[in-house]
Amino acid sequence: MPTETILDIRPVHPMHRHPMIFDLFESLEPGQGFILINDHNPKPLFYQFQAELPGQFTWEYLEQGPAEWRVRIGRSPA
């Protein structure tokens, strides 16, 4: 089984974060995913996914702060 990609965006400048995340998401095959690590709740990102890719993604909180947030984001199976 392939290792799941981990994307830690904490050191990335905020203006580059969402484009980086969406680029990684676009590279996924159906059923694949990655773990996002952030320093705050990425709820605005969730809303952006809902608006731009409704029904095409999965979102699962693995850790909910206070210092670190981990979310598994996946491409919905075909």
PDB file of N, CA and C in Angstrom:
ATOM      1  N   MET A   1       0.852  -1.185   0.000  1.00  0.00           N
ATOM      2  CA  MET A   1       0.000   0.000   0.000  1.00  0.00           C
ATOM      3  C   MET A   1       0.893   1.241   0.000  1.00  0.00           C
ATOM      4  N   PRO A   2       0.597   2.247  -0.857  1.00  0.00           N
ATOM      5  CA  PRO A   2       1.434   3.431  -0.930  1.00  0.00           C
ATOM      6  C   PRO A   2       1.346   4.260   0.363  1.00  0.00           C
ATOM      7  N   THR A   3       2.432   4.964   0.660  1.00  0.00           N
ATOM      8  CA  THR A   3       2.463   5.841   1.813  1.00  0.00           C
ATOM      9  C   THR A   3       1.657   7.098   1.509  1.00  0.00           C
ATOM     10  N   GLU A   4       0.898   7.541   2.490  1.00  0.00           N
ATOM     11  CA  GLU A   4       0.084   8.740   2.304  1.00  0.00           C
ATOM     12  C   GLU A   4       0.978   9.981   2.384  1.00  0.00           C
ATOM     13  N   THR A   5       0.794  10.900   1.471  1.00  0.00           N
ATOM     14  CA  THR A   5       1.549  12.141   1.443  1.00  0.00           C
ATOM     15  C   THR A   5       1.134  13.017   2.618  1.00  0.00           C
ATOM     16  N   ILE A   6       2.105  13.658   3.232  1.00  0.00           N
ATOM     17  CA  ILE A   6       1.838  14.615   4.298  1.00  0.00           C
ATOM     18  C   ILE A   6       2.288  15.985   3.800  1.00  0.00           C
ATOM     19  N   LEU A   7       1.370  16.945   3.856  1.00  0.00           N
ATOM     20  CA  LEU A   7       1.663  18.305   3.429  1.00  0.00           C
ATOM     21  C   LEU A   7       1.574  19.224   4.643  1.00  0.00           C
ATOM     22  N   ASP A   8       2.731  19.657   5.140  1.00  0.00           N
ATOM     23  CA  ASP A   8       2.793  20.568   6.278  1.00  0.00           C
ATOM     24  C   ASP A   8       2.924  21.978   5.720  1.00  0.00           C
ATOM     25  N   ILE A   9       1.842  22.750   5.817  1.00  0.00           N
ATOM     26  CA  ILE A   9       1.871  24.088   5.224  1.00  0.00           C
ATOM     27  C   ILE A   9       2.222  25.184   6.223  1.00  0.00           C
ATOM     28  N   ARG A  10       2.531  24.816   7.432  1.00  0.00           N
ATOM     29  CA  ARG A  10       2.846  25.831   8.444  1.00  0.00           C
ATOM     30  C   ARG A  10       3.989  26.755   8.031  1.00  0.00           C
ATOM     31  N   PRO A  11       5.067  26.255   7.407  1.00  0.00           N
ATOM     32  CA  PRO A  11       6.144  27.180   7.039  1.00  0.00           C
ATOM     33  C   PRO A  11       5.902  27.930   5.714  1.00  0.00           C
ATOM     34  N   VAL A  12       4.813  27.627   5.031  1.00  0.00           N
ATOM     35  CA  VAL A  12       4.536  28.224   3.717  1.00  0.00           C
ATOM     36  C   VAL A  12       3.823  29.571   3.898  1.00  0.00           C
ATOM     37  N   HIS A  13       4.214  30.563   3.112  1.00  0.00           N
ATOM     38  CA  HIS A  13       3.565  31.880   3.163  1.00  0.00           C
ATOM     39  C   HIS A  13       2.069  31.705   2.879  1.00  0.00           C
ATOM     40  N   PRO A  14       1.206  32.359   3.653  1.00  0.00           N
ATOM     41  CA  PRO A  14      -0.241  32.161   3.495  1.00  0.00           C
ATOM     42  C   PRO A  14      -0.771  32.321   2.070  1.00  0.00           C
ATOM     43  N   MET A  15      -0.231  33.234   1.293  1.00  0.00           N
ATOM     44  CA  MET A  15      -0.767  33.432  -0.061  1.00  0.00           C
ATOM     45  C   MET A  15      -0.486  32.245  -0.992  1.00  0.00           C
ATOM     46  N   HIS A  16       0.446  31.376  -0.608  1.00  0.00           N
ATOM     47  CA  HIS A  16       0.796  30.222  -1.442  1.00  0.00           C
ATOM     48  C   HIS A  16       0.138  28.918  -0.980  1.00  0.00           C
ATOM     49  N   ARG A  17      -0.501  28.948   0.176  1.00  0.00           N
ATOM     50  CA  ARG A  17      -1.016  27.720   0.767  1.00  0.00           C
ATOM     51  C   ARG A  17      -2.128  27.070  -0.049  1.00  0.00           C
ATOM     52  N   HIS A  18      -3.197  27.800  -0.335  1.00  0.00           N
ATOM     53  CA  HIS A  18      -4.328  27.187  -1.031  1.00  0.00           C
ATOM     54  C   HIS A  18      -3.945  26.702  -2.424  1.00  0.00           C
ATOM     55  N   PRO A  19      -3.207  27.494  -3.214  1.00  0.00           N
ATOM     56  CA  PRO A  19      -2.783  26.969  -4.518  1.00  0.00           C
ATOM     57  C   PRO A  19      -1.975  25.679  -4.397  1.00  0.00           C
ATOM     58  N   MET A  20      -1.097  25.593  -3.409  1.00  0.00           N
ATOM     59  CA  MET A  20      -0.283  24.389  -3.207  1.00  0.00           C
ATOM     60  C   MET A  20      -1.181  23.190  -2.879  1.00  0.00           C
ATOM     61  N   ILE A  21      -2.158  23.415  -2.017  1.00  0.00           N
ATOM     62  CA  ILE A  21      -3.075  22.346  -1.613  1.00  0.00           C
ATOM     63  C   ILE A  21      -3.901  21.870  -2.802  1.00  0.00           C
ATOM     64  N   PHE A  22      -4.439  22.796  -3.577  1.00  0.00           N
ATOM     65  CA  PHE A  22      -5.267  22.408  -4.723  1.00  0.00           C
ATOM     66  C   PHE A  22      -4.435  21.741  -5.817  1.00  0.00           C
ATOM     67  N   ASP A  23      -3.191  22.150  -5.993  1.00  0.00           N
ATOM     68  CA  ASP A  23      -2.314  21.472  -6.955  1.00  0.00           C
ATOM     69  C   ASP A  23      -2.104  20.013  -6.547  1.00  0.00           C
ATOM     70  N   LEU A  24      -1.857  19.784  -5.261  1.00  0.00           N
ATOM     71  CA  LEU A  24      -1.681  18.418  -4.788  1.00  0.00           C
ATOM     72  C   LEU A  24      -2.972  17.627  -4.955  1.00  0.00           C
ATOM     73  N   PHE A  25      -4.099  18.229  -4.624  1.00  0.00           N
ATOM     74  CA  PHE A  25      -5.381  17.546  -4.759  1.00  0.00           C
ATOM     75  C   PHE A  25      -5.626  17.142  -6.215  1.00  0.00           C
ATOM     76  N   GLU A  26      -5.336  18.031  -7.138  1.00  0.00           N
ATOM     77  CA  GLU A  26      -5.559  17.752  -8.561  1.00  0.00           C
ATOM     78  C   GLU A  26      -4.699  16.600  -9.062  1.00  0.00           C
ATOM     79  N   SER A  27      -3.583  16.326  -8.389  1.00  0.00           N
ATOM     80  CA  SER A  27      -2.702  15.238  -8.819  1.00  0.00           C
ATOM     81  C   SER A  27      -3.169  13.871  -8.303  1.00  0.00           C
ATOM     82  N   LEU A  28      -4.172  13.853  -7.440  1.00  0.00           N
ATOM     83  CA  LEU A  28      -4.641  12.599  -6.845  1.00  0.00           C
ATOM     84  C   LEU A  28      -5.516  11.801  -7.806  1.00  0.00           C
ATOM     85  N   GLU A  29      -5.418  10.503  -7.697  1.00  0.00           N
ATOM     86  CA  GLU A  29      -6.338   9.602  -8.382  1.00  0.00           C
ATOM     87  C   GLU A  29      -7.556   9.414  -7.476  1.00  0.00           C
ATOM     88  N   PRO A  30      -8.709   9.021  -8.042  1.00  0.00           N
ATOM     89  CA  PRO A  30      -9.873   8.749  -7.197  1.00  0.00           C
ATOM     90  C   PRO A  30      -9.523   7.747  -6.090  1.00  0.00           C
ATOM     91  N   GLY A  31      -9.943   8.063  -4.882  1.00  0.00           N
ATOM     92  CA  GLY A  31      -9.672   7.209  -3.730  1.00  0.00           C
ATOM     93  C   GLY A  31      -8.379   7.534  -2.996  1.00  0.00           C
ATOM     94  N   GLN A  32      -7.501   8.348  -3.596  1.00  0.00           N
ATOM     95  CA  GLN A  32      -6.258   8.745  -2.939  1.00  0.00           C
ATOM     96  C   GLN A  32      -6.488   9.985  -2.086  1.00  0.00           C
ATOM     97  N   GLY A  33      -5.550  10.219  -1.159  1.00  0.00           N
ATOM     98  CA  GLY A  33      -5.655  11.396  -0.310  1.00  0.00           C
ATOM     99  C   GLY A  33      -4.306  11.799   0.244  1.00  0.00           C
ATOM    100  N   PHE A  34      -4.322  12.847   1.045  1.00  0.00           N
ATOM    101  CA  PHE A  34      -3.125  13.323   1.721  1.00  0.00           C
ATOM    102  C   PHE A  34      -3.529  13.897   3.067  1.00  0.00           C
ATOM    103  N   ILE A  35      -2.544  14.057   3.928  1.00  0.00           N
ATOM    104  CA  ILE A  35      -2.786  14.639   5.242  1.00  0.00           C
ATOM    105  C   ILE A  35      -2.229  16.056   5.242  1.00  0.00           C
ATOM    106  N   LEU A  36      -3.080  16.994   5.570  1.00  0.00           N
ATOM    107  CA  LEU A  36      -2.707  18.399   5.665  1.00  0.00           C
ATOM    108  C   LEU A  36      -2.416  18.724   7.127  1.00  0.00           C
ATOM    109  N   ILE A  37      -1.292  19.393   7.381  1.00  0.00           N
ATOM    110  CA  ILE A  37      -0.957  19.870   8.717  1.00  0.00           C
ATOM    111  C   ILE A  37      -0.952  21.393   8.674  1.00  0.00           C
ATOM    112  N   ASN A  38      -1.674  21.984   9.620  1.00  0.00           N
ATOM    113  CA  ASN A  38      -1.791  23.437   9.667  1.00  0.00           C
ATOM    114  C   ASN A  38      -1.731  23.902  11.113  1.00  0.00           C
ATOM    115  N   ASP A  39      -1.524  25.211  11.314  1.00  0.00           N
ATOM    116  CA  ASP A  39      -1.450  25.769  12.659  1.00  0.00           C
ATOM    117  C   ASP A  39      -2.780  26.348  13.135  1.00  0.00           C
ATOM    118  N   HIS A  40      -3.812  26.229  12.322  1.00  0.00           N
ATOM    119  CA  HIS A  40      -5.149  26.684  12.705  1.00  0.00           C
ATOM    120  C   HIS A  40      -6.178  25.822  11.964  1.00  0.00           C
ATOM    121  N   ASN A  41      -7.421  25.942  12.373  1.00  0.00           N
ATOM    122  CA  ASN A  41      -8.494  25.186  11.725  1.00  0.00           C
ATOM    123  C   ASN A  41      -8.611  25.632  10.266  1.00  0.00           C
ATOM    124  N   PRO A  42      -8.450  24.721   9.318  1.00  0.00           N
ATOM    125  CA  PRO A  42      -8.515  25.105   7.906  1.00  0.00           C
ATOM    126  C   PRO A  42      -9.947  25.161   7.364  1.00  0.00           C
ATOM    127  N   LYS A  43     -10.880  25.614   8.174  1.00  0.00           N
ATOM    128  CA  LYS A  43     -12.287  25.682   7.783  1.00  0.00           C
ATOM    129  C   LYS A  43     -12.506  26.505   6.504  1.00  0.00           C
ATOM    130  N   PRO A  44     -11.826  27.665   6.315  1.00  0.00           N
ATOM    131  CA  PRO A  44     -12.000  28.397   5.053  1.00  0.00           C
ATOM    132  C   PRO A  44     -11.618  27.549   3.825  1.00  0.00           C
ATOM    133  N   LEU A  45     -10.603  26.703   3.985  1.00  0.00           N
ATOM    134  CA  LEU A  45     -10.207  25.795   2.906  1.00  0.00           C
ATOM    135  C   LEU A  45     -11.325  24.803   2.616  1.00  0.00           C
ATOM    136  N   PHE A  46     -11.951  24.288   3.664  1.00  0.00           N
ATOM    137  CA  PHE A  46     -13.083  23.371   3.499  1.00  0.00           C
ATOM    138  C   PHE A  46     -14.188  24.045   2.681  1.00  0.00           C
ATOM    139  N   TYR A  47     -14.508  25.291   3.016  1.00  0.00           N
ATOM    140  CA  TYR A  47     -15.549  26.020   2.274  1.00  0.00           C
ATOM    141  C   TYR A  47     -15.155  26.239   0.819  1.00  0.00           C
ATOM    142  N   GLN A  48     -13.881  26.470   0.564  1.00  0.00           N
ATOM    143  CA  GLN A  48     -13.413  26.630  -0.811  1.00  0.00           C
ATOM    144  C   GLN A  48     -13.563  25.315  -1.574  1.00  0.00           C
ATOM    145  N   PHE A  49     -13.202  24.200  -0.947  1.00  0.00           N
ATOM    146  CA  PHE A  49     -13.409  22.897  -1.580  1.00  0.00           C
ATOM    147  C   PHE A  49     -14.892  22.678  -1.884  1.00  0.00           C
ATOM    148  N   GLN A  50     -15.764  23.004  -0.929  1.00  0.00           N
ATOM    149  CA  GLN A  50     -17.206  22.833  -1.142  1.00  0.00           C
ATOM    150  C   GLN A  50     -17.695  23.655  -2.323  1.00  0.00           C
ATOM    151  N   ALA A  51     -17.203  24.875  -2.445  1.00  0.00           N
ATOM    152  CA  ALA A  51     -17.643  25.764  -3.514  1.00  0.00           C
ATOM    153  C   ALA A  51     -17.106  25.347  -4.880  1.00  0.00           C
ATOM    154  N   GLU A  52     -15.852  24.908  -4.929  1.00  0.00           N
ATOM    155  CA  GLU A  52     -15.198  24.626  -6.200  1.00  0.00           C
ATOM    156  C   GLU A  52     -15.280  23.166  -6.632  1.00  0.00           C
ATOM    157  N   LEU A  53     -15.385  22.249  -5.671  1.00  0.00           N
ATOM    158  CA  LEU A  53     -15.341  20.815  -5.988  1.00  0.00           C
ATOM    159  C   LEU A  53     -16.423  20.045  -5.230  1.00  0.00           C
ATOM    160  N   PRO A  54     -17.671  20.478  -5.319  1.00  0.00           N
ATOM    161  CA  PRO A  54     -18.718  19.803  -4.538  1.00  0.00           C
ATOM    162  C   PRO A  54     -18.828  18.318  -4.906  1.00  0.00           C
ATOM    163  N   GLY A  55     -18.844  17.477  -3.871  1.00  0.00           N
ATOM    164  CA  GLY A  55     -18.980  16.041  -4.072  1.00  0.00           C
ATOM    165  C   GLY A  55     -17.750  15.328  -4.588  1.00  0.00           C
ATOM    166  N   GLN A  56     -16.655  16.050  -4.774  1.00  0.00           N
ATOM    167  CA  GLN A  56     -15.454  15.450  -5.352  1.00  0.00           C
ATOM    168  C   GLN A  56     -14.352  15.193  -4.337  1.00  0.00           C
ATOM    169  N   PHE A  57     -14.600  15.525  -3.060  1.00  0.00           N
ATOM    170  CA  PHE A  57     -13.550  15.401  -2.059  1.00  0.00           C
ATOM    171  C   PHE A  57     -14.102  14.819  -0.766  1.00  0.00           C
ATOM    172  N   THR A  58     -13.176  14.300   0.048  1.00  0.00           N
ATOM    173  CA  THR A  58     -13.509  13.865   1.395  1.00  0.00           C
ATOM    174  C   THR A  58     -12.672  14.689   2.362  1.00  0.00           C
ATOM    175  N   TRP A  59     -13.172  14.842   3.574  1.00  0.00           N
ATOM    176  CA  TRP A  59     -12.528  15.693   4.578  1.00  0.00           C
ATOM    177  C   TRP A  59     -12.703  15.027   5.924  1.00  0.00           C
ATOM    178  N   GLU A  60     -11.594  14.692   6.575  1.00  0.00           N
ATOM    179  CA  GLU A  60     -11.660  14.018   7.868  1.00  0.00           C
ATOM    180  C   GLU A  60     -10.644  14.637   8.827  1.00  0.00           C
ATOM    181  N   TYR A  61     -11.138  15.220   9.909  1.00  0.00           N
ATOM    182  CA  TYR A  61     -10.238  15.760  10.928  1.00  0.00           C
ATOM    183  C   TYR A  61      -9.572  14.604  11.659  1.00  0.00           C
ATOM    184  N   LEU A  62      -8.244  14.655  11.783  1.00  0.00           N
ATOM    185  CA  LEU A  62      -7.479  13.673  12.536  1.00  0.00           C
ATOM    186  C   LEU A  62      -7.011  14.262  13.862  1.00  0.00           C
ATOM    187  N   GLU A  63      -6.770  15.570  13.883  1.00  0.00           N
ATOM    188  CA  GLU A  63      -6.359  16.285  15.089  1.00  0.00           C
ATOM    189  C   GLU A  63      -6.908  17.707  14.987  1.00  0.00           C
ATOM    190  N   GLN A  64      -7.500  18.195  16.080  1.00  0.00           N
ATOM    191  CA  GLN A  64      -8.153  19.503  16.043  1.00  0.00           C
ATOM    192  C   GLN A  64      -7.576  20.448  17.092  1.00  0.00           C
ATOM    193  N   GLY A  65      -6.315  20.823  16.895  1.00  0.00           N
ATOM    194  CA  GLY A  65      -5.667  21.837  17.699  1.00  0.00           C
ATOM    195  C   GLY A  65      -5.434  21.439  19.140  1.00  0.00           C
ATOM    196  N   PRO A  66      -5.060  22.389  19.939  1.00  0.00           N
ATOM    197  CA  PRO A  66      -5.033  23.818  19.615  1.00  0.00           C
ATOM    198  C   PRO A  66      -3.795  24.264  18.836  1.00  0.00           C
ATOM    199  N   ALA A  67      -2.682  23.572  18.955  1.00  0.00           N
ATOM    200  CA  ALA A  67      -1.456  24.024  18.282  1.00  0.00           C
ATOM    201  C   ALA A  67      -1.316  23.471  16.868  1.00  0.00           C
ATOM    202  N   GLU A  68      -1.880  22.302  16.614  1.00  0.00           N
ATOM    203  CA  GLU A  68      -1.706  21.650  15.317  1.00  0.00           C
ATOM    204  C   GLU A  68      -3.032  21.034  14.874  1.00  0.00           C
ATOM    205  N   TRP A  69      -3.335  21.235  13.622  1.00  0.00           N
ATOM    206  CA  TRP A  69      -4.538  20.661  13.014  1.00  0.00           C
ATOM    207  C   TRP A  69      -4.104  19.718  11.909  1.00  0.00           C
ATOM    208  N   ARG A  70      -4.679  18.526  11.890  1.00  0.00           N
ATOM    209  CA  ARG A  70      -4.394  17.535  10.840  1.00  0.00           C
ATOM    210  C   ARG A  70      -5.715  17.128  10.208  1.00  0.00           C
ATOM    211  N   VAL A  71      -5.740  17.185   8.879  1.00  0.00           N
ATOM    212  CA  VAL A  71      -6.953  16.833   8.140  1.00  0.00           C
ATOM    213  C   VAL A  71      -6.555  15.908   6.993  1.00  0.00           C
ATOM    214  N   ARG A  72      -7.273  14.812   6.852  1.00  0.00           N
ATOM    215  CA  ARG A  72      -7.084  13.945   5.684  1.00  0.00           C
ATOM    216  C   ARG A  72      -8.048  14.441   4.617  1.00  0.00           C
ATOM    217  N   ILE A  73      -7.481  14.844   3.485  1.00  0.00           N
ATOM    218  CA  ILE A  73      -8.265  15.330   2.345  1.00  0.00           C
ATOM    219  C   ILE A  73      -8.082  14.303   1.231  1.00  0.00           C
ATOM    220  N   GLY A  74      -9.174  13.861   0.667  1.00  0.00           N
ATOM    221  CA  GLY A  74      -9.091  12.855  -0.375  1.00  0.00           C
ATOM    222  C   GLY A  74      -9.942  13.195  -1.579  1.00  0.00           C
ATOM    223  N   ARG A  75      -9.607  12.544  -2.686  1.00  0.00           N
ATOM    224  CA  ARG A  75     -10.438  12.641  -3.892  1.00  0.00           C
ATOM    225  C   ARG A  75     -11.457  11.522  -3.794  1.00  0.00           C
ATOM    226  N   SER A  76     -12.713  11.878  -3.934  1.00  0.00           N
ATOM    227  CA  SER A  76     -13.777  10.887  -3.821  1.00  0.00           C
ATOM    228  C   SER A  76     -13.580   9.770  -4.839  1.00  0.00           C
ATOM    229  N   PRO A  77     -13.902   8.537  -4.439  1.00  0.00           N
ATOM    230  CA  PRO A  77     -13.803   7.421  -5.397  1.00  0.00           C
ATOM    231  C   PRO A  77     -14.700   7.655  -6.605  1.00  0.00           C
ATOM    232  N   ALA A  78     -14.296   7.127  -7.717  1.00  0.00           N
ATOM    233  CA  ALA A  78     -15.060   7.310  -8.971  1.00  0.00           C
ATOM    234  C   ALA A  78     -16.421   6.659  -8.895  1.00  0.00           C
TER     235      ALA A  78
END
